[in-house]
Amino acid sequence: AMDKVAFLPFGLLMDKWRWGVFSGETPASQYSKAWTDLRLRYQGV
C-alpha cells in the first residue's frame, strides 16, 4: 500500500493540473497556486 495506494492521488493530479493549464482554467499567473492546491486537496501534502 505504501507504493500502490500512496501513488493514486499523485497519479490523478498530474494530468488534472495540466488539463487546467491547457484549457486556460489555470492561467500562467496561477501555475504554482493550482499545483499547491491540488497537492493539498488530493494528496494531503
PDB file of all heavy atoms in Angstrom:
ATOM      1  N   ALA A   1       0.819  -1.213   0.000  1.00  0.00           N
ATOM      2  CA  ALA A   1       0.000   0.000   0.000  1.00  0.00           C
ATOM      3  C   ALA A   1       0.852   1.262   0.000  1.00  0.00           C
ATOM      4  O   ALA A   1       0.461   2.283  -0.577  1.00  0.00           O
ATOM      5  CB  ALA A   1      -0.930   0.000   1.210  1.00  0.00           C
ATOM      6  N   MET A   2       2.015   1.212   0.639  1.00  0.00           N
ATOM      7  CA  MET A   2       2.867   2.392   0.706  1.00  0.00           C
ATOM      8  C   MET A   2       3.319   2.839  -0.680  1.00  0.00           C
ATOM      9  O   MET A   2       3.698   4.007  -0.866  1.00  0.00           O
ATOM     10  CB  MET A   2       4.078   2.111   1.596  1.00  0.00           C
ATOM     11  CG  MET A   2       3.733   1.938   3.068  1.00  0.00           C
ATOM     12  SD  MET A   2       3.112   3.444   3.869  1.00  0.00           S
ATOM     13  CE  MET A   2       4.637   4.369   4.084  1.00  0.00           C
ATOM     14  N   ASP A   3       3.270   1.951  -1.645  1.00  0.00           N
ATOM     15  CA  ASP A   3       3.574   2.337  -3.026  1.00  0.00           C
ATOM     16  C   ASP A   3       2.310   2.428  -3.869  1.00  0.00           C
ATOM     17  O   ASP A   3       2.016   3.456  -4.470  1.00  0.00           O
ATOM     18  CB  ASP A   3       4.545   1.334  -3.662  1.00  0.00           C
ATOM     19  CG  ASP A   3       5.977   1.563  -3.236  1.00  0.00           C
ATOM     20  OD1 ASP A   3       6.285   2.669  -2.751  1.00  0.00           O
ATOM     21  OD2 ASP A   3       6.786   0.646  -3.365  1.00  0.00           O
ATOM     22  N   LYS A   4       1.529   1.361  -3.899  1.00  0.00           N
ATOM     23  CA  LYS A   4       0.408   1.295  -4.834  1.00  0.00           C
ATOM     24  C   LYS A   4      -0.744   2.215  -4.443  1.00  0.00           C
ATOM     25  O   LYS A   4      -1.366   2.844  -5.300  1.00  0.00           O
ATOM     26  CB  LYS A   4      -0.069  -0.151  -4.979  1.00  0.00           C
ATOM     27  CG  LYS A   4       0.956  -1.043  -5.669  1.00  0.00           C
ATOM     28  CD  LYS A   4       0.424  -2.433  -5.899  1.00  0.00           C
ATOM     29  CE  LYS A   4       1.463  -3.335  -6.572  1.00  0.00           C
ATOM     30  NZ  LYS A   4       1.766  -2.928  -7.947  1.00  0.00           N
ATOM     31  N   VAL A   5      -1.074   2.298  -3.183  1.00  0.00           N
ATOM     32  CA  VAL A   5      -2.175   3.163  -2.736  1.00  0.00           C
ATOM     33  C   VAL A   5      -1.697   4.605  -2.629  1.00  0.00           C
ATOM     34  O   VAL A   5      -2.399   5.536  -3.058  1.00  0.00           O
ATOM     35  CB  VAL A   5      -2.747   2.676  -1.389  1.00  0.00           C
ATOM     36  CG1 VAL A   5      -3.826   3.635  -0.889  1.00  0.00           C
ATOM     37  CG2 VAL A   5      -3.319   1.262  -1.532  1.00  0.00           C
ATOM     38  N   ALA A   6      -0.517   4.806  -2.067  1.00  0.00           N
ATOM     39  CA  ALA A   6       0.001   6.165  -1.899  1.00  0.00           C
ATOM     40  C   ALA A   6       0.129   6.891  -3.234  1.00  0.00           C
ATOM     41  O   ALA A   6      -0.002   8.120  -3.294  1.00  0.00           O
ATOM     42  CB  ALA A   6       1.354   6.131  -1.194  1.00  0.00           C
ATOM     43  N   PHE A   7       0.349   6.140  -4.309  1.00  0.00           N
ATOM     44  CA  PHE A   7       0.545   6.749  -5.629  1.00  0.00           C
ATOM     45  C   PHE A   7      -0.732   7.346  -6.215  1.00  0.00           C
ATOM     46  O   PHE A   7      -0.674   8.273  -7.037  1.00  0.00           O
ATOM     47  CB  PHE A   7       1.089   5.695  -6.598  1.00  0.00           C
ATOM     48  CG  PHE A   7       1.201   6.165  -8.017  1.00  0.00           C
ATOM     49  CD1 PHE A   7       2.297   6.901  -8.431  1.00  0.00           C
ATOM     50  CD2 PHE A   7       0.203   5.893  -8.947  1.00  0.00           C
ATOM     51  CE1 PHE A   7       2.399   7.349  -9.750  1.00  0.00           C
ATOM     52  CE2 PHE A   7       0.299   6.330 -10.254  1.00  0.00           C
ATOM     53  CZ  PHE A   7       1.401   7.061 -10.657  1.00  0.00           C
ATOM     54  N   LEU A   8      -1.885   6.838  -5.835  1.00  0.00           N
ATOM     55  CA  LEU A   8      -3.132   7.152  -6.538  1.00  0.00           C
ATOM     56  C   LEU A   8      -3.424   8.648  -6.690  1.00  0.00           C
ATOM     57  O   LEU A   8      -3.688   9.110  -7.799  1.00  0.00           O
ATOM     58  CB  LEU A   8      -4.302   6.445  -5.853  1.00  0.00           C
ATOM     59  CG  LEU A   8      -4.287   4.923  -5.982  1.00  0.00           C
ATOM     60  CD1 LEU A   8      -5.327   4.304  -5.052  1.00  0.00           C
ATOM     61  CD2 LEU A   8      -4.538   4.496  -7.423  1.00  0.00           C
ATOM     62  N   PRO A   9      -3.411   9.442  -5.626  1.00  0.00           N
ATOM     63  CA  PRO A   9      -3.749  10.860  -5.821  1.00  0.00           C
ATOM     64  C   PRO A   9      -2.727  11.604  -6.671  1.00  0.00           C
ATOM     65  O   PRO A   9      -3.086  12.501  -7.442  1.00  0.00           O
ATOM     66  CB  PRO A   9      -3.812  11.411  -4.399  1.00  0.00           C
ATOM     67  CG  PRO A   9      -2.984  10.480  -3.586  1.00  0.00           C
ATOM     68  CD  PRO A   9      -3.166   9.128  -4.211  1.00  0.00           C
ATOM     69  N   PHE A  10      -1.454  11.221  -6.554  1.00  0.00           N
ATOM     70  CA  PHE A  10      -0.445  11.857  -7.405  1.00  0.00           C
ATOM     71  C   PHE A  10      -0.685  11.493  -8.861  1.00  0.00           C
ATOM     72  O   PHE A  10      -0.606  12.344  -9.759  1.00  0.00           O
ATOM     73  CB  PHE A  10       0.962  11.420  -6.979  1.00  0.00           C
ATOM     74  CG  PHE A  10       2.048  12.137  -7.724  1.00  0.00           C
ATOM     75  CD1 PHE A  10       2.440  13.408  -7.353  1.00  0.00           C
ATOM     76  CD2 PHE A  10       2.676  11.540  -8.811  1.00  0.00           C
ATOM     77  CE1 PHE A  10       3.438  14.091  -8.053  1.00  0.00           C
ATOM     78  CE2 PHE A  10       3.670  12.199  -9.516  1.00  0.00           C
ATOM     79  CZ  PHE A  10       4.058  13.474  -9.132  1.00  0.00           C
ATOM     80  N   GLY A  11      -1.006  10.231  -9.119  1.00  0.00           N
ATOM     81  CA  GLY A  11      -1.295   9.793 -10.476  1.00  0.00           C
ATOM     82  C   GLY A  11      -2.478  10.523 -11.078  1.00  0.00           C
ATOM     83  O   GLY A  11      -2.565  10.710 -12.290  1.00  0.00           O
ATOM     84  N   LEU A  12      -3.400  10.960 -10.234  1.00  0.00           N
ATOM     85  CA  LEU A  12      -4.578  11.689 -10.695  1.00  0.00           C
ATOM     86  C   LEU A  12      -4.280  13.168 -10.927  1.00  0.00           C
ATOM     87  O   LEU A  12      -4.669  13.752 -11.948  1.00  0.00           O
ATOM     88  CB  LEU A  12      -5.703  11.542  -9.668  1.00  0.00           C
ATOM     89  CG  LEU A  12      -7.039  12.212  -9.980  1.00  0.00           C
ATOM     90  CD1 LEU A  12      -7.700  11.552 -11.177  1.00  0.00           C
ATOM     91  CD2 LEU A  12      -7.955  12.139  -8.760  1.00  0.00           C
ATOM     92  N   LEU A  13      -3.579  13.796 -10.006  1.00  0.00           N
ATOM     93  CA  LEU A  13      -3.446  15.260 -10.061  1.00  0.00           C
ATOM     94  C   LEU A  13      -2.456  15.751 -11.112  1.00  0.00           C
ATOM     95  O   LEU A  13      -2.537  16.897 -11.551  1.00  0.00           O
ATOM     96  CB  LEU A  13      -3.078  15.816  -8.684  1.00  0.00           C
ATOM     97  CG  LEU A  13      -1.676  15.562  -8.114  1.00  0.00           C
ATOM     98  CD1 LEU A  13      -0.652  16.582  -8.586  1.00  0.00           C
ATOM     99  CD2 LEU A  13      -1.720  15.575  -6.579  1.00  0.00           C
ATOM    100  N   MET A  14      -1.526  14.888 -11.518  1.00  0.00           N
ATOM    101  CA  MET A  14      -0.550  15.314 -12.536  1.00  0.00           C
ATOM    102  C   MET A  14      -1.259  15.837 -13.794  1.00  0.00           C
ATOM    103  O   MET A  14      -0.957  16.921 -14.294  1.00  0.00           O
ATOM    104  CB  MET A  14       0.357  14.144 -12.894  1.00  0.00           C
ATOM    105  CG  MET A  14       1.482  13.914 -11.906  1.00  0.00           C
ATOM    106  SD  MET A  14       2.876  15.033 -12.169  1.00  0.00           S
ATOM    107  CE  MET A  14       3.572  14.329 -13.668  1.00  0.00           C
ATOM    108  N   ASP A  15      -2.197  15.042 -14.308  1.00  0.00           N
ATOM    109  CA  ASP A  15      -2.890  15.488 -15.513  1.00  0.00           C
ATOM    110  C   ASP A  15      -4.018  16.449 -15.193  1.00  0.00           C
ATOM    111  O   ASP A  15      -4.364  17.282 -16.045  1.00  0.00           O
ATOM    112  CB  ASP A  15      -3.410  14.285 -16.307  1.00  0.00           C
ATOM    113  CG  ASP A  15      -2.331  13.694 -17.209  1.00  0.00           C
ATOM    114  OD1 ASP A  15      -1.231  14.273 -17.275  1.00  0.00           O
ATOM    115  OD2 ASP A  15      -2.585  12.654 -17.846  1.00  0.00           O
ATOM    116  N   LYS A  16      -4.597  16.380 -14.009  1.00  0.00           N
ATOM    117  CA  LYS A  16      -5.600  17.386 -13.647  1.00  0.00           C
ATOM    118  C   LYS A  16      -4.991  18.781 -13.700  1.00  0.00           C
ATOM    119  O   LYS A  16      -5.627  19.736 -14.163  1.00  0.00           O
ATOM    120  CB  LYS A  16      -6.178  17.098 -12.249  1.00  0.00           C
ATOM    121  CG  LYS A  16      -7.334  16.114 -12.265  1.00  0.00           C
ATOM    122  CD  LYS A  16      -8.009  16.067 -10.916  1.00  0.00           C
ATOM    123  CE  LYS A  16      -9.291  15.245 -10.965  1.00  0.00           C
ATOM    124  NZ  LYS A  16     -10.374  15.926 -11.702  1.00  0.00           N
ATOM    125  N   TRP A  17      -3.759  18.900 -13.227  1.00  0.00           N
ATOM    126  CA  TRP A  17      -3.088  20.202 -13.290  1.00  0.00           C
ATOM    127  C   TRP A  17      -2.908  20.616 -14.754  1.00  0.00           C
ATOM    128  O   TRP A  17      -3.222  21.751 -15.129  1.00  0.00           O
ATOM    129  CB  TRP A  17      -1.729  20.133 -12.583  1.00  0.00           C
ATOM    130  CG  TRP A  17      -1.001  21.442 -12.603  1.00  0.00           C
ATOM    131  CD1 TRP A  17      -1.195  22.515 -11.774  1.00  0.00           C
ATOM    132  CD2 TRP A  17       0.028  21.826 -13.534  1.00  0.00           C
ATOM    133  NE1 TRP A  17      -0.353  23.547 -12.130  1.00  0.00           N
ATOM    134  CE2 TRP A  17       0.406  23.158 -13.197  1.00  0.00           C
ATOM    135  CE3 TRP A  17       0.654  21.200 -14.594  1.00  0.00           C
ATOM    136  CZ2 TRP A  17       1.395  23.841 -13.897  1.00  0.00           C
ATOM    137  CZ3 TRP A  17       1.637  21.878 -15.297  1.00  0.00           C
ATOM    138  CH2 TRP A  17       2.001  23.185 -14.949  1.00  0.00           C
ATOM    139  N   ARG A  18      -2.442  19.690 -15.587  1.00  0.00           N
ATOM    140  CA  ARG A  18      -2.195  20.045 -16.995  1.00  0.00           C
ATOM    141  C   ARG A  18      -3.498  20.297 -17.742  1.00  0.00           C
ATOM    142  O   ARG A  18      -3.547  21.180 -18.610  1.00  0.00           O
ATOM    143  CB  ARG A  18      -1.369  18.957 -17.673  1.00  0.00           C
ATOM    144  CG  ARG A  18       0.097  19.050 -17.296  1.00  0.00           C
ATOM    145  CD  ARG A  18       0.948  18.116 -18.100  1.00  0.00           C
ATOM    146  NE  ARG A  18       0.797  16.726 -17.695  1.00  0.00           N
ATOM    147  CZ  ARG A  18       1.676  15.766 -17.988  1.00  0.00           C
ATOM    148  NH1 ARG A  18       2.755  16.062 -18.693  1.00  0.00           N
ATOM    149  NH2 ARG A  18       1.494  14.522 -17.581  1.00  0.00           N
ATOM    150  N   TRP A  19      -4.538  19.557 -17.437  1.00  0.00           N
ATOM    151  CA  TRP A  19      -5.821  19.815 -18.096  1.00  0.00           C
ATOM    152  C   TRP A  19      -6.272  21.247 -17.821  1.00  0.00           C
ATOM    153  O   TRP A  19      -6.772  21.931 -18.705  1.00  0.00           O
ATOM    154  CB  TRP A  19      -6.887  18.840 -17.610  1.00  0.00           C
ATOM    155  CG  TRP A  19      -6.631  17.413 -17.983  1.00  0.00           C
ATOM    156  CD1 TRP A  19      -5.748  16.946 -18.918  1.00  0.00           C
ATOM    157  CD2 TRP A  19      -7.260  16.259 -17.411  1.00  0.00           C
ATOM    158  NE1 TRP A  19      -5.785  15.570 -18.953  1.00  0.00           N
ATOM    159  CE2 TRP A  19      -6.707  15.117 -18.059  1.00  0.00           C
ATOM    160  CE3 TRP A  19      -8.230  16.059 -16.427  1.00  0.00           C
ATOM    161  CZ2 TRP A  19      -7.105  13.818 -17.733  1.00  0.00           C
ATOM    162  CZ3 TRP A  19      -8.622  14.773 -16.119  1.00  0.00           C
ATOM    163  CH2 TRP A  19      -8.064  13.661 -16.768  1.00  0.00           C
ATOM    164  N   GLY A  20      -6.103  21.697 -16.584  1.00  0.00           N
ATOM    165  CA  GLY A  20      -6.474  23.061 -16.240  1.00  0.00           C
ATOM    166  C   GLY A  20      -5.600  24.086 -16.943  1.00  0.00           C
ATOM    167  O   GLY A  20      -6.082  25.132 -17.400  1.00  0.00           O
ATOM    168  N   VAL A  21      -4.312  23.777 -17.063  1.00  0.00           N
ATOM    169  CA  VAL A  21      -3.384  24.684 -17.744  1.00  0.00           C
ATOM    170  C   VAL A  21      -3.729  24.779 -19.229  1.00  0.00           C
ATOM    171  O   VAL A  21      -3.836  25.867 -19.798  1.00  0.00           O
ATOM    172  CB  VAL A  21      -1.929  24.206 -17.548  1.00  0.00           C
ATOM    173  CG1 VAL A  21      -0.981  24.936 -18.499  1.00  0.00           C
ATOM    174  CG2 VAL A  21      -1.499  24.417 -16.096  1.00  0.00           C
ATOM    175  N   PHE A  22      -3.922  23.640 -19.876  1.00  0.00           N
ATOM    176  CA  PHE A  22      -4.213  23.639 -21.310  1.00  0.00           C
ATOM    177  C   PHE A  22      -5.562  24.288 -21.627  1.00  0.00           C
ATOM    178  O   PHE A  22      -5.715  24.950 -22.654  1.00  0.00           O
ATOM    179  CB  PHE A  22      -4.182  22.213 -21.859  1.00  0.00           C
ATOM    180  CG  PHE A  22      -2.796  21.632 -22.003  1.00  0.00           C
ATOM    181  CD1 PHE A  22      -2.480  20.405 -21.433  1.00  0.00           C
ATOM    182  CD2 PHE A  22      -1.818  22.303 -22.720  1.00  0.00           C
ATOM    183  CE1 PHE A  22      -1.206  19.863 -21.565  1.00  0.00           C
ATOM    184  CE2 PHE A  22      -0.533  21.771 -22.856  1.00  0.00           C
ATOM    185  CZ  PHE A  22      -0.228  20.545 -22.272  1.00  0.00           C
ATOM    186  N   SER A  23      -6.540  24.104 -20.751  1.00  0.00           N
ATOM    187  CA  SER A  23      -7.869  24.662 -21.011  1.00  0.00           C
ATOM    188  C   SER A  23      -7.929  26.162 -20.750  1.00  0.00           C
ATOM    189  O   SER A  23      -8.872  26.838 -21.165  1.00  0.00           O
ATOM    190  CB  SER A  23      -8.914  23.967 -20.141  1.00  0.00           C
ATOM    191  OG  SER A  23      -8.787  24.361 -18.782  1.00  0.00           O
ATOM    192  N   GLY A  24      -6.943  26.702 -20.035  1.00  0.00           N
ATOM    193  CA  GLY A  24      -6.956  28.114 -19.670  1.00  0.00           C
ATOM    194  C   GLY A  24      -7.601  28.365 -18.316  1.00  0.00           C
ATOM    195  O   GLY A  24      -7.573  29.491 -17.814  1.00  0.00           O
ATOM    196  N   GLU A  25      -8.180  27.333 -17.723  1.00  0.00           N
ATOM    197  CA  GLU A  25      -8.763  27.496 -16.383  1.00  0.00           C
ATOM    198  C   GLU A  25      -7.694  27.897 -15.382  1.00  0.00           C
ATOM    199  O   GLU A  25      -7.951  28.635 -14.433  1.00  0.00           O
ATOM    200  CB  GLU A  25      -9.419  26.180 -15.960  1.00  0.00           C
ATOM    201  CG  GLU A  25     -10.074  26.220 -14.584  1.00  0.00           C
ATOM    202  CD  GLU A  25     -10.665  24.888 -14.181  1.00  0.00           C
ATOM    203  OE1 GLU A  25     -10.902  24.037 -15.065  1.00  0.00           O
ATOM    204  OE2 GLU A  25     -10.890  24.681 -12.982  1.00  0.00           O
ATOM    205  N   THR A  26      -6.465  27.418 -15.625  1.00  0.00           N
ATOM    206  CA  THR A  26      -5.321  27.807 -14.799  1.00  0.00           C
ATOM    207  C   THR A  26      -4.390  28.664 -15.639  1.00  0.00           C
ATOM    208  O   THR A  26      -3.621  28.135 -16.469  1.00  0.00           O
ATOM    209  CB  THR A  26      -4.557  26.568 -14.298  1.00  0.00           C
ATOM    210  OG1 THR A  26      -5.427  25.749 -13.514  1.00  0.00           O
ATOM    211  CG2 THR A  26      -3.357  26.973 -13.448  1.00  0.00           C
ATOM    212  N   PRO A  27      -4.427  29.974 -15.511  1.00  0.00           N
ATOM    213  CA  PRO A  27      -3.523  30.836 -16.282  1.00  0.00           C
ATOM    214  C   PRO A  27      -2.098  30.737 -15.751  1.00  0.00           C
ATOM    215  O   PRO A  27      -1.865  30.251 -14.633  1.00  0.00           O
ATOM    216  CB  PRO A  27      -4.100  32.235 -16.048  1.00  0.00           C
ATOM    217  CG  PRO A  27      -4.792  32.140 -14.726  1.00  0.00           C
ATOM    218  CD  PRO A  27      -5.329  30.745 -14.633  1.00  0.00           C
ATOM    219  N   ALA A  28      -1.157  31.194 -16.540  1.00  0.00           N
ATOM    220  CA  ALA A  28       0.249  31.122 -16.150  1.00  0.00           C
ATOM    221  C   ALA A  28       0.512  31.827 -14.827  1.00  0.00           C
ATOM    222  O   ALA A  28       1.407  31.444 -14.071  1.00  0.00           O
ATOM    223  CB  ALA A  28       1.132  31.706 -17.252  1.00  0.00           C
ATOM    224  N   SER A  29      -0.277  32.824 -14.524  1.00  0.00           N
ATOM    225  CA  SER A  29      -0.085  33.576 -13.281  1.00  0.00           C
ATOM    226  C   SER A  29      -0.485  32.774 -12.041  1.00  0.00           C
ATOM    227  O   SER A  29      -0.225  33.203 -10.917  1.00  0.00           O
ATOM    228  CB  SER A  29      -0.910  34.870 -13.315  1.00  0.00           C
ATOM    229  OG  SER A  29      -2.300  34.571 -13.442  1.00  0.00           O
ATOM    230  N   GLN A  30      -1.108  31.590 -12.250  1.00  0.00           N
ATOM    231  CA  GLN A  30      -1.547  30.775 -11.114  1.00  0.00           C
ATOM    232  C   GLN A  30      -1.025  29.340 -11.180  1.00  0.00           C
ATOM    233  O   GLN A  30      -1.579  28.443 -10.546  1.00  0.00           O
ATOM    234  CB  GLN A  30      -3.074  30.775 -11.042  1.00  0.00           C
ATOM    235  CG  GLN A  30      -3.682  32.129 -10.746  1.00  0.00           C
ATOM    236  CD  GLN A  30      -5.199  32.079 -10.678  1.00  0.00           C
ATOM    237  OE1 GLN A  30      -5.793  31.031 -10.437  1.00  0.00           O
ATOM    238  NE2 GLN A  30      -5.836  33.219 -10.899  1.00  0.00           N
ATOM    239  N   TYR A  31       0.032  29.123 -11.947  1.00  0.00           N
ATOM    240  CA  TYR A  31       0.589  27.775 -12.057  1.00  0.00           C
ATOM    241  C   TYR A  31       0.905  27.175 -10.680  1.00  0.00           C
ATOM    242  O   TYR A  31       0.535  26.041 -10.371  1.00  0.00           O
ATOM    243  CB  TYR A  31       1.875  27.797 -12.885  1.00  0.00           C
ATOM    244  CG  TYR A  31       1.680  27.825 -14.381  1.00  0.00           C
ATOM    245  CD1 TYR A  31       2.788  27.950 -15.232  1.00  0.00           C
ATOM    246  CD2 TYR A  31       0.427  27.717 -14.978  1.00  0.00           C
ATOM    247  CE1 TYR A  31       2.649  27.966 -16.615  1.00  0.00           C
ATOM    248  CE2 TYR A  31       0.273  27.741 -16.358  1.00  0.00           C
ATOM    249  CZ  TYR A  31       1.387  27.871 -17.159  1.00  0.00           C
ATOM    250  OH  TYR A  31       1.242  27.896 -18.525  1.00  0.00           O
ATOM    251  N   SER A  32       1.637  27.912  -9.869  1.00  0.00           N
ATOM    252  CA  SER A  32       2.066  27.389  -8.567  1.00  0.00           C
ATOM    253  C   SER A  32       0.889  27.197  -7.619  1.00  0.00           C
ATOM    254  O   SER A  32       0.810  26.195  -6.899  1.00  0.00           O
ATOM    255  CB  SER A  32       3.101  28.315  -7.932  1.00  0.00           C
ATOM    256  OG  SER A  32       4.337  28.216  -8.595  1.00  0.00           O
ATOM    257  N   LYS A  33      -0.022  28.153  -7.608  1.00  0.00           N
ATOM    258  CA  LYS A  33      -1.179  28.043  -6.720  1.00  0.00           C
ATOM    259  C   LYS A  33      -2.004  26.807  -7.065  1.00  0.00           C
ATOM    260  O   LYS A  33      -2.410  26.040  -6.184  1.00  0.00           O
ATOM    261  CB  LYS A  33      -2.054  29.290  -6.801  1.00  0.00           C
ATOM    262  CG  LYS A  33      -3.280  29.236  -5.881  1.00  0.00           C
ATOM    263  CD  LYS A  33      -4.146  30.474  -6.028  1.00  0.00           C
ATOM    264  CE  LYS A  33      -5.274  30.484  -5.008  1.00  0.00           C
ATOM    265  NZ  LYS A  33      -6.129  29.261  -5.093  1.00  0.00           N
ATOM    266  N   ALA A  34      -2.234  26.590  -8.369  1.00  0.00           N
ATOM    267  CA  ALA A  34      -3.036  25.445  -8.782  1.00  0.00           C
ATOM    268  C   ALA A  34      -2.349  24.136  -8.393  1.00  0.00           C
ATOM    269  O   ALA A  34      -2.997  23.191  -7.921  1.00  0.00           O
ATOM    270  CB  ALA A  34      -3.277  25.487 -10.288  1.00  0.00           C
ATOM    271  N   TRP A  35      -1.028  24.066  -8.569  1.00  0.00           N
ATOM    272  CA  TRP A  35      -0.274  22.862  -8.214  1.00  0.00           C
ATOM    273  C   TRP A  35      -0.328  22.605  -6.713  1.00  0.00           C
ATOM    274  O   TRP A  35      -0.628  21.492  -6.263  1.00  0.00           O
ATOM    275  CB  TRP A  35       1.168  23.011  -8.686  1.00  0.00           C
ATOM    276  CG  TRP A  35       2.064  21.851  -8.366  1.00  0.00           C
ATOM    277  CD1 TRP A  35       2.984  21.770  -7.367  1.00  0.00           C
ATOM    278  CD2 TRP A  35       2.136  20.596  -9.066  1.00  0.00           C
ATOM    279  NE1 TRP A  35       3.629  20.558  -7.389  1.00  0.00           N
ATOM    280  CE2 TRP A  35       3.125  19.817  -8.418  1.00  0.00           C
ATOM    281  CE3 TRP A  35       1.470  20.062 -10.160  1.00  0.00           C
ATOM    282  CZ2 TRP A  35       3.461  18.523  -8.857  1.00  0.00           C
ATOM    283  CZ3 TRP A  35       1.794  18.775 -10.586  1.00  0.00           C
ATOM    284  CH2 TRP A  35       2.782  18.025  -9.936  1.00  0.00           C
ATOM    285  N   THR A  36      -0.079  23.652  -5.943  1.00  0.00           N
ATOM    286  CA  THR A  36      -0.095  23.520  -4.485  1.00  0.00           C
ATOM    287  C   THR A  36      -1.480  23.132  -3.982  1.00  0.00           C
ATOM    288  O   THR A  36      -1.621  22.289  -3.087  1.00  0.00           O
ATOM    289  CB  THR A  36       0.359  24.843  -3.834  1.00  0.00           C
ATOM    290  OG1 THR A  36       1.684  25.152  -4.269  1.00  0.00           O
ATOM    291  CG2 THR A  36       0.344  24.735  -2.317  1.00  0.00           C
ATOM    292  N   ASP A  37      -2.510  23.729  -4.565  1.00  0.00           N
ATOM    293  CA  ASP A  37      -3.886  23.418  -4.154  1.00  0.00           C
ATOM    294  C   ASP A  37      -4.246  21.968  -4.452  1.00  0.00           C
ATOM    295  O   ASP A  37      -4.896  21.293  -3.640  1.00  0.00           O
ATOM    296  CB  ASP A  37      -4.876  24.353  -4.856  1.00  0.00           C
ATOM    297  CG  ASP A  37      -4.821  25.778  -4.333  1.00  0.00           C
ATOM    298  OD1 ASP A  37      -4.150  26.010  -3.304  1.00  0.00           O
ATOM    299  OD2 ASP A  37      -5.442  26.665  -4.960  1.00  0.00           O
ATOM    300  N   LEU A  38      -3.853  21.480  -5.630  1.00  0.00           N
ATOM    301  CA  LEU A  38      -4.153  20.099  -5.987  1.00  0.00           C
ATOM    302  C   LEU A  38      -3.399  19.116  -5.102  1.00  0.00           C
ATOM    303  O   LEU A  38      -3.940  18.081  -4.690  1.00  0.00           O
ATOM    304  CB  LEU A  38      -3.805  19.847  -7.461  1.00  0.00           C
ATOM    305  CG  LEU A  38      -4.780  20.429  -8.491  1.00  0.00           C
ATOM    306  CD1 LEU A  38      -4.175  20.361  -9.887  1.00  0.00           C
ATOM    307  CD2 LEU A  38      -6.110  19.686  -8.461  1.00  0.00           C
ATOM    308  N   ARG A  39      -2.146  19.434  -4.796  1.00  0.00           N
ATOM    309  CA  ARG A  39      -1.364  18.559  -3.918  1.00  0.00           C
ATOM    310  C   ARG A  39      -2.013  18.475  -2.535  1.00  0.00           C
ATOM    311  O   ARG A  39      -2.068  17.398  -1.930  1.00  0.00           O
ATOM    312  CB  ARG A  39       0.062  19.102  -3.794  1.00  0.00           C
ATOM    313  CG  ARG A  39       0.834  19.090  -5.096  1.00  0.00           C
ATOM    314  CD  ARG A  39       1.670  17.847  -5.241  1.00  0.00           C
ATOM    315  NE  ARG A  39       2.925  17.984  -4.528  1.00  0.00           N
ATOM    316  CZ  ARG A  39       3.771  16.988  -4.301  1.00  0.00           C
ATOM    317  NH1 ARG A  39       3.472  15.778  -4.720  1.00  0.00           N
ATOM    318  NH2 ARG A  39       4.912  17.172  -3.669  1.00  0.00           N
ATOM    319  N   LEU A  40      -2.480  19.592  -2.060  1.00  0.00           N
ATOM    320  CA  LEU A  40      -3.133  19.592  -0.753  1.00  0.00           C
ATOM    321  C   LEU A  40      -4.472  18.870  -0.814  1.00  0.00           C
ATOM    322  O   LEU A  40      -4.783  18.034   0.042  1.00  0.00           O
ATOM    323  CB  LEU A  40      -3.331  21.032  -0.274  1.00  0.00           C
ATOM    324  CG  LEU A  40      -4.042  21.199   1.076  1.00  0.00           C
ATOM    325  CD1 LEU A  40      -3.245  20.524   2.185  1.00  0.00           C
ATOM    326  CD2 LEU A  40      -4.239  22.686   1.389  1.00  0.00           C
ATOM    327  N   ARG A  41      -5.270  19.170  -1.828  1.00  0.00           N
ATOM    328  CA  ARG A  41      -6.603  18.585  -1.923  1.00  0.00           C
ATOM    329  C   ARG A  41      -6.575  17.072  -2.071  1.00  0.00           C
ATOM    330  O   ARG A  41      -7.309  16.356  -1.385  1.00  0.00           O
ATOM    331  CB  ARG A  41      -7.343  19.200  -3.119  1.00  0.00           C
ATOM    332  CG  ARG A  41      -8.718  18.575  -3.364  1.00  0.00           C
ATOM    333  CD  ARG A  41      -9.378  19.163  -4.606  1.00  0.00           C
ATOM    334  NE  ARG A  41     -10.622  18.472  -4.932  1.00  0.00           N
ATOM    335  CZ  ARG A  41     -11.345  18.694  -6.029  1.00  0.00           C
ATOM    336  NH1 ARG A  41     -10.942  19.614  -6.895  1.00  0.00           N
ATOM    337  NH2 ARG A  41     -12.444  18.008  -6.251  1.00  0.00           N
ATOM    338  N   TYR A  42      -5.724  16.572  -2.970  1.00  0.00           N
ATOM    339  CA  TYR A  42      -5.746  15.134  -3.260  1.00  0.00           C
ATOM    340  C   TYR A  42      -4.749  14.330  -2.421  1.00  0.00           C
ATOM    341  O   TYR A  42      -5.086  13.249  -1.931  1.00  0.00           O
ATOM    342  CB  TYR A  42      -5.476  14.898  -4.752  1.00  0.00           C
ATOM    343  CG  TYR A  42      -6.649  15.273  -5.619  1.00  0.00           C
ATOM    344  CD1 TYR A  42      -6.669  16.481  -6.328  1.00  0.00           C
ATOM    345  CD2 TYR A  42      -7.759  14.442  -5.720  1.00  0.00           C
ATOM    346  CE1 TYR A  42      -7.750  16.836  -7.116  1.00  0.00           C
ATOM    347  CE2 TYR A  42      -8.849  14.788  -6.506  1.00  0.00           C
ATOM    348  CZ  TYR A  42      -8.845  15.984  -7.197  1.00  0.00           C
ATOM    349  OH  TYR A  42      -9.924  16.331  -7.964  1.00  0.00           O
ATOM    350  N   GLN A  43      -3.532  14.824  -2.267  1.00  0.00           N
ATOM    351  CA  GLN A  43      -2.523  14.068  -1.535  1.00  0.00           C
ATOM    352  C   GLN A  43      -2.488  14.375  -0.051  1.00  0.00           C
ATOM    353  O   GLN A  43      -2.022  13.544   0.733  1.00  0.00           O
ATOM    354  CB  GLN A  43      -1.128  14.347  -2.105  1.00  0.00           C
ATOM    355  CG  GLN A  43      -0.807  13.642  -3.405  1.00  0.00           C
ATOM    356  CD  GLN A  43       0.642  13.861  -3.776  1.00  0.00           C
ATOM    357  OE1 GLN A  43       1.044  14.976  -4.134  1.00  0.00           O
ATOM    358  NE2 GLN A  43       1.449  12.811  -3.684  1.00  0.00           N
ATOM    359  N   GLY A  44      -2.921  15.572   0.317  1.00  0.00           N
ATOM    360  CA  GLY A  44      -2.772  15.954   1.715  1.00  0.00           C
ATOM    361  C   GLY A  44      -1.322  16.158   2.088  1.00  0.00           C
ATOM    362  O   GLY A  44      -0.900  15.829   3.199  1.00  0.00           O
ATOM    363  N   VAL A  45      -0.528  16.711   1.153  1.00  0.00           N
ATOM    364  CA  VAL A  45       0.875  17.009   1.431  1.00  0.00           C
ATOM    365  C   VAL A  45       1.152  18.477   1.133  1.00  0.00           C
ATOM    366  O   VAL A  45       0.440  19.107   0.340  1.00  0.00           O
ATOM    367  CB  VAL A  45       1.837  16.122   0.605  1.00  0.00           C
ATOM    368  CG1 VAL A  45       1.566  14.645   0.848  1.00  0.00           C
ATOM    369  CG2 VAL A  45       1.758  16.446  -0.877  1.00  0.00           C
TER     370      VAL A  45
END
